C-alpha atoms as a PDB file:
ATOM      1  CA  MET A   1      83.665  79.440 101.232  1.00  0.00           C
ATOM      2  CA  SER A   2      85.175  82.348  99.273  1.00  0.00           C
ATOM      3  CA  LEU A   3      82.969  84.473  97.036  1.00  0.00           C
ATOM      4  CA  GLU A   4      83.743  85.191  93.368  1.00  0.00           C
ATOM      5  CA  ILE A   5      82.905  88.753  92.282  1.00  0.00           C
ATOM      6  CA  ASP A   6      83.199  90.769  89.066  1.00  0.00           C
ATOM      7  CA  ILE A   7      85.639  93.616  88.421  1.00  0.00           C
ATOM      8  CA  ILE A   8      83.160  96.403  89.252  1.00  0.00           C
ATOM      9  CA  GLN A   9      82.339  94.856  92.620  1.00  0.00           C
ATOM     10  CA  PHE A  10      86.039  94.178  93.184  1.00  0.00           C
ATOM     11  CA  LEU A  11      87.082  97.788  92.597  1.00  0.00           C
ATOM     12  CA  THR A  12      84.236  99.057  94.771  1.00  0.00           C
ATOM     13  CA  LEU A  13      85.298  96.832  97.669  1.00  0.00           C
ATOM     14  CA  ASN A  14      88.914  97.877  97.104  1.00  0.00           C
ATOM     15  CA  ASN A  15      88.008 101.231  98.648  1.00  0.00           C
ATOM     16  CA  THR A  16      87.772  99.532 102.040  1.00  0.00           C
ATOM     17  CA  MET A  17      89.525  96.172 101.661  1.00  0.00           C
ATOM     18  CA  PRO A  18      93.145  95.268 100.871  1.00  0.00           C
ATOM     19  CA  VAL A  19      94.011  93.384  97.670  1.00  0.00           C
ATOM     20  CA  ILE A  20      96.353  90.400  97.628  1.00  0.00           C
ATOM     21  CA  ASP A  21      97.953  89.559  94.285  1.00  0.00           C
ATOM     22  CA  VAL A  22      99.128  85.927  94.374  1.00  0.00           C
ATOM     23  CA  ARG A  23     100.968  85.971  91.046  1.00  0.00           C
ATOM     24  CA  SER A  24     104.742  85.592  90.826  1.00  0.00           C
ATOM     25  CA  PRO A  25     107.016  88.576  91.670  1.00  0.00           C
ATOM     26  CA  ALA A  26     107.886  89.065  87.977  1.00  0.00           C
ATOM     27  CA  GLU A  27     104.218  89.216  86.986  1.00  0.00           C
ATOM     28  CA  TYR A  28     103.528  91.663  89.813  1.00  0.00           C
ATOM     29  CA  HIS A  29     106.511  93.854  88.926  1.00  0.00           C
ATOM     30  CA  LYS A  30     105.422  94.084  85.300  1.00  0.00           C
ATOM     31  CA  GLY A  31     102.051  95.467  86.310  1.00  0.00           C
ATOM     32  CA  HIS A  32      99.639  95.254  89.235  1.00  0.00           C
ATOM     33  CA  ILE A  33      96.561  96.876  90.708  1.00  0.00           C
ATOM     34  CA  PRO A  34      97.850  99.998  92.507  1.00  0.00           C
ATOM     35  CA  GLY A  35      97.985  99.428  96.242  1.00  0.00           C
ATOM     36  CA  SER A  36      97.820  95.642  95.975  1.00  0.00           C
ATOM     37  CA  ILE A  37     100.166  93.467  98.048  1.00  0.00           C
ATOM     38  CA  ASN A  38     102.079  90.614  96.476  1.00  0.00           C
ATOM     39  CA  ILE A  39     101.932  87.284  98.316  1.00  0.00           C
ATOM     40  CA  ALA A  40     103.312  85.081  95.575  1.00  0.00           C
ATOM     41  CA  LEU A  41     102.100  81.505  95.642  1.00  0.00           C
ATOM     42  CA  PHE A  42     105.201  80.586  93.610  1.00  0.00           C
ATOM     43  CA  SER A  43     108.486  82.392  93.082  1.00  0.00           C
ATOM     44  CA  ASP A  44     109.549  83.127  89.517  1.00  0.00           C
ATOM     45  CA  GLU A  45     111.848  80.097  89.528  1.00  0.00           C
ATOM     46  CA  GLU A  46     109.184  77.822  91.014  1.00  0.00           C
ATOM     47  CA  ARG A  47     106.659  78.937  88.431  1.00  0.00           C
ATOM     48  CA  VAL A  48     109.099  77.962  85.659  1.00  0.00           C
ATOM     49  CA  LYS A  49     109.643  74.539  87.258  1.00  0.00           C
ATOM     50  CA  ILE A  50     105.920  73.858  87.425  1.00  0.00           C
ATOM     51  CA  GLY A  51     105.430  74.971  83.833  1.00  0.00           C
ATOM     52  CA  THR A  52     108.232  72.695  82.690  1.00  0.00           C
ATOM     53  CA  SER A  53     106.797  69.801  84.701  1.00  0.00           C
ATOM     54  CA  TYR A  54     103.362  70.339  83.164  1.00  0.00           C
ATOM     55  CA  ALA A  55     104.818  70.309  79.643  1.00  0.00           C
ATOM     56  CA  LYS A  56     106.933  67.195  80.202  1.00  0.00           C
ATOM     57  CA  ARG A  57     104.955  65.100  82.698  1.00  0.00           C
ATOM     58  CA  GLY A  58     101.388  66.397  82.594  1.00  0.00           C
ATOM     59  CA  LYS A  59      98.909  68.047  84.916  1.00  0.00           C
ATOM     60  CA  GLU A  60      98.979  65.495  87.743  1.00  0.00           C
ATOM     61  CA  GLU A  61     102.754  65.599  88.224  1.00  0.00           C
ATOM     62  CA  SER A  62     102.895  69.383  88.043  1.00  0.00           C
ATOM     63  CA  PHE A  63     100.065  69.608  90.587  1.00  0.00           C
ATOM     64  CA  LEU A  64     101.928  67.345  93.010  1.00  0.00           C
ATOM     65  CA  LEU A  65     105.087  69.413  92.521  1.00  0.00           C
ATOM     66  CA  GLY A  66     103.093  72.519  93.315  1.00  0.00           C
ATOM     67  CA  LEU A  67     101.833  70.991  96.560  1.00  0.00           C
ATOM     68  CA  GLU A  68     105.371  70.032  97.482  1.00  0.00           C
ATOM     69  CA  ILE A  69     106.572  73.584  96.916  1.00  0.00           C
ATOM     70  CA  ILE A  70     103.828  75.473  98.735  1.00  0.00           C
ATOM     71  CA  GLY A  71     103.432  73.078 101.692  1.00  0.00           C
ATOM     72  CA  PRO A  72     106.212  74.661 103.811  1.00  0.00           C
ATOM     73  CA  LYS A  73     104.903  78.147 102.949  1.00  0.00           C
ATOM     74  CA  LEU A  74     101.309  77.762 104.126  1.00  0.00           C
ATOM     75  CA  LYS A  75     101.929  79.104 107.630  1.00  0.00           C
ATOM     76  CA  HIS A  76     103.691  82.175 106.200  1.00  0.00           C
ATOM     77  CA  PHE A  77     100.850  82.822 103.736  1.00  0.00           C
ATOM     78  CA  ALA A  78      98.212  82.521 106.455  1.00  0.00           C
ATOM     79  CA  SER A  79     100.069  84.744 108.922  1.00  0.00           C
ATOM     80  CA  LYS A  80     100.660  87.450 106.342  1.00  0.00           C
ATOM     81  CA  ALA A  81      97.007  87.414 105.245  1.00  0.00           C
ATOM     82  CA  LEU A  82      95.877  87.763 108.877  1.00  0.00           C
ATOM     83  CA  ASP A  83      98.141  90.806 109.242  1.00  0.00           C
ATOM     84  CA  ILE A  84      96.843  92.393 106.037  1.00  0.00           C
ATOM     85  CA  ALA A  85      93.094  91.671 106.317  1.00  0.00           C
ATOM     86  CA  VAL A  86      90.804  94.462 107.497  1.00  0.00           C
ATOM     87  CA  ASP A  87      87.923  93.310 109.692  1.00  0.00           C
ATOM     88  CA  LYS A  88      88.763  89.746 108.604  1.00  0.00           C
ATOM     89  CA  LYS A  89      88.026  90.634 104.969  1.00  0.00           C
ATOM     90  CA  ILE A  90      90.335  90.496 101.972  1.00  0.00           C
ATOM     91  CA  LEU A  91      90.343  90.611  98.155  1.00  0.00           C
ATOM     92  CA  VAL A  92      92.476  88.197  96.154  1.00  0.00           C
ATOM     93  CA  HIS A  93      93.324  87.589  92.501  1.00  0.00           C
ATOM     94  CA  CYS A  94      95.744  85.792  90.212  1.00  0.00           C
ATOM     95  CA  TRP A  95      96.182  86.083  86.430  1.00  0.00           C
ATOM     96  CA  ARG A  96      92.918  84.544  85.186  1.00  0.00           C
ATOM     97  CA  GLY A  97      91.031  83.756  88.366  1.00  0.00           C
ATOM     98  CA  GLY A  98      92.124  80.132  88.358  1.00  0.00           C
ATOM     99  CA  MET A  99      93.905  77.677  90.598  1.00  0.00           C
ATOM    100  CA  ARG A 100      96.328  80.086  92.283  1.00  0.00           C
ATOM    101  CA  SER A 101      93.693  82.472  93.627  1.00  0.00           C
ATOM    102  CA  ASN A 102      91.333  79.586  94.445  1.00  0.00           C
ATOM    103  CA  SER A 103      94.052  77.868  96.470  1.00  0.00           C
ATOM    104  CA  MET A 104      94.943  80.978  98.430  1.00  0.00           C
ATOM    105  CA  ALA A 105      91.286  81.854  98.991  1.00  0.00           C
ATOM    106  CA  TRP A 106      90.710  78.383 100.464  1.00  0.00           C
ATOM    107  CA  LEU A 107      93.616  78.866 102.860  1.00  0.00           C
ATOM    108  CA  PHE A 108      92.471  82.320 103.927  1.00  0.00           C
ATOM    109  CA  GLU A 109      88.941  81.065 104.524  1.00  0.00           C
ATOM    110  CA  GLN A 110      90.319  78.349 106.841  1.00  0.00           C
ATOM    111  CA  MET A 111      91.801  81.175 108.904  1.00  0.00           C
ATOM    112  CA  GLY A 112      88.391  82.832 109.230  1.00  0.00           C
ATOM    113  CA  ILE A 113      89.094  85.540 106.652  1.00  0.00           C
ATOM    114  CA  ASN A 114      86.179  86.415 104.376  1.00  0.00           C
ATOM    115  CA  THR A 115      87.799  86.239 100.948  1.00  0.00           C
ATOM    116  CA  TYR A 116      86.532  87.731  97.696  1.00  0.00           C
ATOM    117  CA  ARG A 117      88.082  86.440  94.462  1.00  0.00           C
ATOM    118  CA  LEU A 118      88.204  88.450  91.245  1.00  0.00           C
ATOM    119  CA  ARG A 119      86.400  86.653  88.431  1.00  0.00           C
ATOM    120  CA  GLY A 120      88.722  86.544  85.430  1.00  0.00           C
ATOM    121  CA  GLY A 121      91.659  87.704  87.570  1.00  0.00           C
ATOM    122  CA  TYR A 122      94.096  90.461  86.707  1.00  0.00           C
ATOM    123  CA  LYS A 123      93.290  89.923  83.037  1.00  0.00           C
ATOM    124  CA  SER A 124      89.731  91.177  83.637  1.00  0.00           C
ATOM    125  CA  TYR A 125      91.137  94.222  85.446  1.00  0.00           C
ATOM    126  CA  ARG A 126      93.307  95.111  82.452  1.00  0.00           C
ATOM    127  CA  ARG A 127      90.389  94.684  80.082  1.00  0.00           C
ATOM    128  CA  TYR A 128      88.214  96.951  82.210  1.00  0.00           C
ATOM    129  CA  ALA A 129      90.957  99.615  82.419  1.00  0.00           C
ATOM    130  CA  PHE A 130      91.305  99.783  78.645  1.00  0.00           C
ATOM    131  CA  GLU A 131      87.558 100.072  78.242  1.00  0.00           C
ATOM    132  CA  TRP A 132      87.684 103.004  80.663  1.00  0.00           C
ATOM    133  CA  PHE A 133      90.197 104.832  78.453  1.00  0.00           C
ATOM    134  CA  ASN A 134      87.474 105.053  75.798  1.00  0.00           C
ATOM    135  CA  LYS A 135      85.361 107.286  78.060  1.00  0.00           C
ATOM    136  CA  GLN A 136      85.436 110.940  77.059  1.00  0.00           C
ATOM    137  CA  PRO A 137      85.086 113.335  79.971  1.00  0.00           C
ATOM    138  CA  GLY A 138      85.122 117.087  79.503  1.00  0.00           C
ATOM    139  CA  ILE A 139      88.812 118.019  79.483  1.00  0.00           C
ATOM    140  CA  ILE A 140      90.756 121.206  78.962  1.00  0.00           C
ATOM    141  CA  VAL A 141      94.361 120.839  77.821  1.00  0.00           C
ATOM    142  CA  LEU A 142      96.899 123.346  79.111  1.00  0.00           C
ATOM    143  CA  GLY A 143      99.468 124.073  76.433  1.00  0.00           C
ATOM    144  CA  GLY A 144     102.520 126.259  76.061  1.00  0.00           C
ATOM    145  CA  MET A 145     106.144 126.228  74.960  1.00  0.00           C
ATOM    146  CA  THR A 146     108.839 124.495  76.999  1.00  0.00           C
ATOM    147  CA  GLY A 147     109.650 126.602  80.057  1.00  0.00           C
ATOM    148  CA  THR A 148     106.171 128.099  80.389  1.00  0.00           C
ATOM    149  CA  GLY A 149     105.698 126.459  83.787  1.00  0.00           C
ATOM    150  CA  LYS A 150     102.617 124.451  82.872  1.00  0.00           C
ATOM    151  CA  THR A 151     103.082 122.036  85.767  1.00  0.00           C
ATOM    152  CA  GLU A 152     103.175 124.900  88.283  1.00  0.00           C
ATOM    153  CA  ILE A 153     100.100 126.477  86.691  1.00  0.00           C
ATOM    154  CA  LEU A 154      98.228 123.172  86.906  1.00  0.00           C
ATOM    155  CA  LYS A 155      99.138 122.882  90.587  1.00  0.00           C
ATOM    156  CA  GLU A 156      97.563 126.303  91.154  1.00  0.00           C
ATOM    157  CA  ILE A 157      94.497 125.260  89.175  1.00  0.00           C
ATOM    158  CA  LYS A 158      94.196 122.213  91.435  1.00  0.00           C
ATOM    159  CA  ARG A 159      94.531 124.378  94.551  1.00  0.00           C
ATOM    160  CA  SER A 160      91.554 126.386  93.319  1.00  0.00           C
ATOM    161  CA  GLY A 161      89.413 123.236  93.551  1.00  0.00           C
ATOM    162  CA  GLN A 162      89.571 122.067  89.926  1.00  0.00           C
ATOM    163  CA  GLN A 163      90.237 118.454  88.863  1.00  0.00           C
ATOM    164  CA  VAL A 164      93.751 118.058  87.463  1.00  0.00           C
ATOM    165  CA  LEU A 165      95.290 114.995  85.797  1.00  0.00           C
ATOM    166  CA  ASP A 166      99.069 115.193  86.260  1.00  0.00           C
ATOM    167  CA  LEU A 167     100.373 112.838  83.578  1.00  0.00           C
ATOM    168  CA  GLU A 168     104.003 113.697  84.240  1.00  0.00           C
ATOM    169  CA  ALA A 169     103.660 112.789  87.923  1.00  0.00           C
ATOM    170  CA  ILE A 170     102.088 109.451  86.973  1.00  0.00           C
ATOM    171  CA  ALA A 171     104.885 108.814  84.453  1.00  0.00           C
ATOM    172  CA  ASN A 172     107.694 110.080  86.742  1.00  0.00           C
ATOM    173  CA  HIS A 173     108.952 112.090  83.786  1.00  0.00           C
ATOM    174  CA  LYS A 174     108.623 115.663  82.498  1.00  0.00           C
ATOM    175  CA  GLY A 175     108.362 114.664  78.868  1.00  0.00           C
ATOM    176  CA  SER A 176     111.472 116.153  77.267  1.00  0.00           C
ATOM    177  CA  ALA A 177     114.933 114.643  76.827  1.00  0.00           C
ATOM    178  CA  PHE A 178     115.721 116.318  80.156  1.00  0.00           C
ATOM    179  CA  GLY A 179     112.510 115.061  81.754  1.00  0.00           C
ATOM    180  CA  GLY A 180     113.972 112.150  83.669  1.00  0.00           C
ATOM    181  CA  ILE A 181     116.490 114.274  85.581  1.00  0.00           C
ATOM    182  CA  GLY A 182     115.642 114.410  89.269  1.00  0.00           C
ATOM    183  CA  GLN A 183     112.734 111.992  88.909  1.00  0.00           C
ATOM    184  CA  LEU A 184     112.083 108.545  90.334  1.00  0.00           C
ATOM    185  CA  SER A 185     112.491 105.616  87.941  1.00  0.00           C
ATOM    186  CA  GLN A 186     109.612 105.303  85.506  1.00  0.00           C
ATOM    187  CA  PRO A 187     106.991 102.588  85.923  1.00  0.00           C
ATOM    188  CA  SER A 188     106.624  99.864  83.321  1.00  0.00           C
ATOM    189  CA  GLN A 189     104.245 100.620  80.459  1.00  0.00           C
ATOM    190  CA  GLU A 190     101.660  98.308  81.994  1.00  0.00           C
ATOM    191  CA  GLN A 191     101.968  99.873  85.442  1.00  0.00           C
ATOM    192  CA  PHE A 192     101.742 103.373  83.982  1.00  0.00           C
ATOM    193  CA  GLU A 193      98.436 102.411  82.362  1.00  0.00           C
ATOM    194  CA  ASN A 194      97.186 100.951  85.643  1.00  0.00           C
ATOM    195  CA  ASN A 195      98.168 104.072  87.585  1.00  0.00           C
ATOM    196  CA  LEU A 196      96.535 106.289  84.960  1.00  0.00           C
ATOM    197  CA  PHE A 197      93.327 104.271  85.118  1.00  0.00           C
ATOM    198  CA  THR A 198      93.245 104.550  88.920  1.00  0.00           C
ATOM    199  CA  GLU A 199      93.652 108.319  88.708  1.00  0.00           C
ATOM    200  CA  LEU A 200      90.985 108.721  86.029  1.00  0.00           C
ATOM    201  CA  GLN A 201      88.583 106.538  87.949  1.00  0.00           C
ATOM    202  CA  SER A 202      88.832 108.883  90.937  1.00  0.00           C
ATOM    203  CA  PHE A 203      87.498 111.862  88.954  1.00  0.00           C
ATOM    204  CA  ASP A 204      83.951 113.128  88.615  1.00  0.00           C
ATOM    205  CA  TYR A 205      83.338 112.848  84.882  1.00  0.00           C
ATOM    206  CA  GLY A 206      80.514 115.346  85.168  1.00  0.00           C
ATOM    207  CA  GLN A 207      83.096 118.051  85.934  1.00  0.00           C
ATOM    208  CA  THR A 208      85.976 119.428  83.854  1.00  0.00           C
ATOM    209  CA  ILE A 209      89.372 117.717  84.048  1.00  0.00           C
ATOM    210  CA  TRP A 210      92.489 119.805  83.334  1.00  0.00           C
ATOM    211  CA  VAL A 211      95.521 118.106  81.813  1.00  0.00           C
ATOM    212  CA  GLU A 212      98.890 119.253  80.484  1.00  0.00           C
ATOM    213  CA  ASP A 213      99.543 119.008  76.759  1.00  0.00           C
ATOM    214  CA  GLU A 214     101.783 116.011  76.121  1.00  0.00           C
ATOM    215  CA  SER A 215     103.235 113.991  73.296  1.00  0.00           C
ATOM    216  CA  LEU A 216     102.203 110.365  72.864  1.00  0.00           C
ATOM    217  CA  SER A 217     105.378 109.344  74.720  1.00  0.00           C
ATOM    218  CA  ILE A 218     106.322 110.634  78.153  1.00  0.00           C
ATOM    219  CA  GLY A 219     109.836 109.349  78.573  1.00  0.00           C
ATOM    220  CA  ARG A 220     109.723 105.622  77.850  1.00  0.00           C
ATOM    221  CA  VAL A 221     106.007 105.160  78.546  1.00  0.00           C
ATOM    222  CA  GLN A 222     103.171 105.957  76.170  1.00  0.00           C
ATOM    223  CA  LEU A 223      99.677 107.266  76.702  1.00  0.00           C
ATOM    224  CA  PRO A 224      96.883 104.909  75.649  1.00  0.00           C
ATOM    225  CA  LYS A 225      96.306 105.846  72.016  1.00  0.00           C
ATOM    226  CA  GLN A 226      92.569 106.451  72.454  1.00  0.00           C
ATOM    227  CA  TRP A 227      93.215 108.877  75.324  1.00  0.00           C
ATOM    228  CA  PHE A 228      95.962 110.674  73.393  1.00  0.00           C
ATOM    229  CA  GLU A 229      93.714 111.067  70.337  1.00  0.00           C
ATOM    230  CA  TYR A 230      90.983 112.456  72.574  1.00  0.00           C
ATOM    231  CA  MET A 231      93.428 115.005  74.019  1.00  0.00           C
ATOM    232  CA  LEU A 232      94.385 116.091  70.491  1.00  0.00           C
ATOM    233  CA  GLN A 233      90.735 116.794  69.653  1.00  0.00           C
ATOM    234  CA  SER A 234      90.001 118.658  72.901  1.00  0.00           C
ATOM    235  CA  LYS A 235      90.068 122.345  73.711  1.00  0.00           C
ATOM    236  CA  VAL A 236      93.552 123.655  74.510  1.00  0.00           C
ATOM    237  CA  ILE A 237      94.491 126.879  76.259  1.00  0.00           C
ATOM    238  CA  CYS A 238      97.944 127.827  75.056  1.00  0.00           C
ATOM    239  CA  VAL A 239      99.856 130.121  77.425  1.00  0.00           C
ATOM    240  CA  TRP A 240     102.400 132.299  75.660  1.00  0.00           C
ATOM    241  CA  LEU A 241     105.415 133.644  77.547  1.00  0.00           C
ATOM    242  CA  ASP A 242     108.486 135.349  76.080  1.00  0.00           C
ATOM    243  CA  LYS A 243     111.649 133.346  75.558  1.00  0.00           C
ATOM    244  CA  GLU A 244     113.641 135.274  78.175  1.00  0.00           C
ATOM    245  CA  THR A 245     111.170 134.330  80.881  1.00  0.00           C
ATOM    246  CA  ARG A 246     111.166 130.693  79.794  1.00  0.00           C
ATOM    247  CA  ILE A 247     114.971 130.524  79.703  1.00  0.00           C
ATOM    248  CA  ARG A 248     115.168 131.870  83.267  1.00  0.00           C
ATOM    249  CA  ARG A 249     112.684 129.260  84.459  1.00  0.00           C
ATOM    250  CA  LEU A 250     114.638 126.441  82.786  1.00  0.00           C
ATOM    251  CA  ILE A 251     117.873 127.635  84.397  1.00  0.00           C
ATOM    252  CA  GLU A 252     116.203 127.633  87.821  1.00  0.00           C
ATOM    253  CA  GLU A 253     114.851 124.153  87.200  1.00  0.00           C
ATOM    254  CA  TYR A 254     117.909 122.389  85.787  1.00  0.00           C
ATOM    255  CA  ALA A 255     121.109 124.304  86.623  1.00  0.00           C
ATOM    256  CA  GLY A 256     121.417 122.535  89.968  1.00  0.00           C
ATOM    257  CA  PHE A 257     121.871 119.116  88.373  1.00  0.00           C
ATOM    258  CA  SER A 258     125.201 117.620  87.328  1.00  0.00           C
ATOM    259  CA  SER A 259     126.752 118.635  84.046  1.00  0.00           C
ATOM    260  CA  ASN A 260     127.082 114.962  83.068  1.00  0.00           C
ATOM    261  CA  LEU A 261     123.324 114.411  83.318  1.00  0.00           C
ATOM    262  CA  LEU A 262     122.608 117.572  81.351  1.00  0.00           C
ATOM    263  CA  ALA A 263     125.177 116.659  78.679  1.00  0.00           C
ATOM    264  CA  GLU A 264     123.618 113.203  78.286  1.00  0.00           C
ATOM    265  CA  SER A 265     120.221 114.820  77.779  1.00  0.00           C
ATOM    266  CA  ILE A 266     121.585 117.229  75.177  1.00  0.00           C
ATOM    267  CA  CYS A 267     123.085 114.307  73.272  1.00  0.00           C
ATOM    268  CA  LYS A 268     119.689 112.579  73.183  1.00  0.00           C
ATOM    269  CA  ILE A 269     118.424 115.297  70.821  1.00  0.00           C
ATOM    270  CA  GLU A 270     121.634 115.673  68.804  1.00  0.00           C
ATOM    271  CA  LYS A 271     119.920 114.595  65.569  1.00  0.00           C
ATOM    272  CA  LYS A 272     117.243 117.234  66.087  1.00  0.00           C
ATOM    273  CA  LEU A 273     119.635 119.993  67.163  1.00  0.00           C
ATOM    274  CA  GLY A 274     122.311 119.261  64.582  1.00  0.00           C
ATOM    275  CA  GLY A 275     125.978 118.648  65.217  1.00  0.00           C
ATOM    276  CA  ASP A 276     127.040 122.299  65.462  1.00  0.00           C
ATOM    277  CA  ASN A 277     124.284 123.258  67.884  1.00  0.00           C
ATOM    278  CA  THR A 278     124.933 120.178  70.008  1.00  0.00           C
ATOM    279  CA  LYS A 279     128.633 121.019  70.244  1.00  0.00           C
ATOM    280  CA  ALA A 280     127.832 124.641  71.071  1.00  0.00           C
ATOM    281  CA  ALA A 281     125.430 123.563  73.820  1.00  0.00           C
ATOM    282  CA  ILE A 282     127.954 121.116  75.323  1.00  0.00           C
ATOM    283  CA  ASP A 283     130.694 123.773  75.207  1.00  0.00           C
ATOM    284  CA  ALA A 284     128.393 126.308  76.876  1.00  0.00           C
ATOM    285  CA  LEU A 285     127.525 123.750  79.552  1.00  0.00           C
ATOM    286  CA  SER A 286     131.203 123.096  80.276  1.00  0.00           C
ATOM    287  CA  MET A 287     131.650 126.841  80.890  1.00  0.00           C
ATOM    288  CA  GLY A 288     128.571 127.058  83.107  1.00  0.00           C
ATOM    289  CA  ASN A 289     126.722 129.181  80.562  1.00  0.00           C
ATOM    290  CA  TYR A 290     123.251 127.729  81.255  1.00  0.00           C
ATOM    291  CA  TYR A 291     121.573 130.633  79.505  1.00  0.00           C
ATOM    292  CA  LYS A 292     123.125 129.656  76.185  1.00  0.00           C
ATOM    293  CA  VAL A 293     122.353 125.965  76.752  1.00  0.00           C
ATOM    294  CA  ALA A 294     118.674 126.764  77.277  1.00  0.00           C
ATOM    295  CA  GLU A 295     118.621 129.153  74.328  1.00  0.00           C
ATOM    296  CA  ILE A 296     120.054 126.541  71.948  1.00  0.00           C
ATOM    297  CA  THR A 297     117.840 123.660  73.089  1.00  0.00           C
ATOM    298  CA  LEU A 298     114.713 125.829  72.905  1.00  0.00           C
ATOM    299  CA  ARG A 299     115.310 126.227  69.174  1.00  0.00           C
ATOM    300  CA  TYR A 300     114.383 122.573  68.806  1.00  0.00           C
ATOM    301  CA  TYR A 301     111.649 122.411  71.430  1.00  0.00           C
ATOM    302  CA  ASP A 302     109.864 125.542  70.224  1.00  0.00           C
ATOM    303  CA  LYS A 303     109.854 124.280  66.655  1.00  0.00           C
ATOM    304  CA  ALA A 304     108.614 120.856  67.782  1.00  0.00           C
ATOM    305  CA  TYR A 305     105.775 122.330  69.838  1.00  0.00           C
ATOM    306  CA  GLN A 306     104.652 124.608  67.015  1.00  0.00           C
ATOM    307  CA  LYS A 307     104.436 121.516  64.800  1.00  0.00           C
ATOM    308  CA  HIS A 308     102.456 119.745  67.533  1.00  0.00           C
ATOM    309  CA  LEU A 309      99.985 122.648  67.760  1.00  0.00           C
ATOM    310  CA  ALA A 310      99.594 122.731  63.983  1.00  0.00           C
ATOM    311  CA  GLY A 311      98.299 119.162  64.140  1.00  0.00           C
ATOM    312  CA  ARG A 312      95.375 120.176  66.355  1.00  0.00           C
ATOM    313  CA  PRO A 313      92.030 121.523  65.147  1.00  0.00           C
ATOM    314  CA  GLN A 314      92.823 125.237  65.108  1.00  0.00           C
ATOM    315  CA  GLU A 315      89.320 126.192  66.266  1.00  0.00           C
ATOM    316  CA  ASN A 316      90.028 124.383  69.548  1.00  0.00           C
ATOM    317  CA  ILE A 317      93.071 126.502  70.401  1.00  0.00           C
ATOM    318  CA  ILE A 318      92.617 129.461  72.751  1.00  0.00           C
ATOM    319  CA  ASN A 319      95.748 131.602  72.967  1.00  0.00           C
ATOM    320  CA  HIS A 320      96.401 133.440  76.202  1.00  0.00           C
ATOM    321  CA  ASN A 321      99.042 136.075  76.950  1.00  0.00           C
ATOM    322  CA  PRO A 322      99.244 136.460  80.739  1.00  0.00           C
ATOM    323  CA  LEU A 323      99.302 139.858  82.380  1.00  0.00           C
ATOM    324  CA  LEU A 324     101.751 138.634  85.022  1.00  0.00           C
ATOM    325  CA  ASN A 325     104.328 135.838  84.964  1.00  0.00           C
ATOM    326  CA  LEU A 326     103.127 134.169  88.158  1.00  0.00           C
ATOM    327  CA  PRO A 327     101.653 130.645  88.102  1.00  0.00           C
ATOM    328  CA  ASN A 328      98.827 131.488  90.524  1.00  0.00           C
ATOM    329  CA  GLU A 329      97.885 134.609  88.546  1.00  0.00           C
ATOM    330  CA  ILE A 330      97.991 132.726  85.236  1.00  0.00           C
ATOM    331  CA  ALA A 331      95.844 129.973  86.746  1.00  0.00           C
ATOM    332  CA  ASN A 332      93.244 132.490  87.907  1.00  0.00           C
ATOM    333  CA  GLU A 333      93.278 134.229  84.526  1.00  0.00           C
ATOM    334  CA  ILE A 334      92.649 131.099  82.477  1.00  0.00           C
ATOM    335  CA  ILE A 335      89.985 129.795  84.882  1.00  0.00           C
ATOM    336  CA  ARG A 336      88.154 133.123  84.435  1.00  0.00           C
ATOM    337  CA  LEU A 337      88.749 132.860  80.698  1.00  0.00           C
ATOM    338  CA  ILE A 338      87.008 129.478  80.547  1.00  0.00           C
END
């Protein structure tokens, strides 16, 4: 007989056991526990049919329809579970910990697989994740104008043994209108939150966590509001580099991409840049003058970041002017500063 366990036990066992998510592909795609494997009891279309049957003919008829649908699939489900299970053990969940996970757990148990079901299902996982976002570890926010190279500095900080939360890597986006260029497609909002929770859960909250300064939105996903508000109230080290240095870094980072992609990104901030500046930037791009493109767009981004900094408690801002423009040197300097 399968064993029902709570979310804390479930996540602990997840360190050594695989998770099977038996919800439909659409539910899984919208958001799932990172690393889980989808063995859908019903396809999206089948789930709609059963729902319609339940509404029109009642529970008994919809149940019989469900049996008719899954009957031919039982061998496939069992074989796949045997392949996935580790030491004949497996974790399983559905949306609310109801009939779908119970049915699959029964099947897996018949195959000799010790099966652990998540009480409350995926819904309990989401609830637990949002509760986790209310925790307030000791964080230091790394700030700086666009082109400062904050991501590279954070990588060096991580290499030194510090804990680093890379929000842009989790979001598959660098934050600006140009931030999606060269990146993988972004996760759904729900999946972004799940991935963020998984990353946060891996940290030692007794030690400092470094994180890059971000807006509420990173591309088309948003930080949980409680975590964003906590970042705004935390200590920030703002690295200041001259505009020439930042322009050179932006050219190195983006000049290799197609002009069409860059032009589309410029147009995304047309209202902020103004019509004349947008036209000038597009014209400069067409002539391969990346220096001028970066110079024009930084007028907006620098102004926007200064406004962002002004919204923080000023006593929490530590300004730092690096001696050398090298990410590893800057990382060492600010670690010593803290």
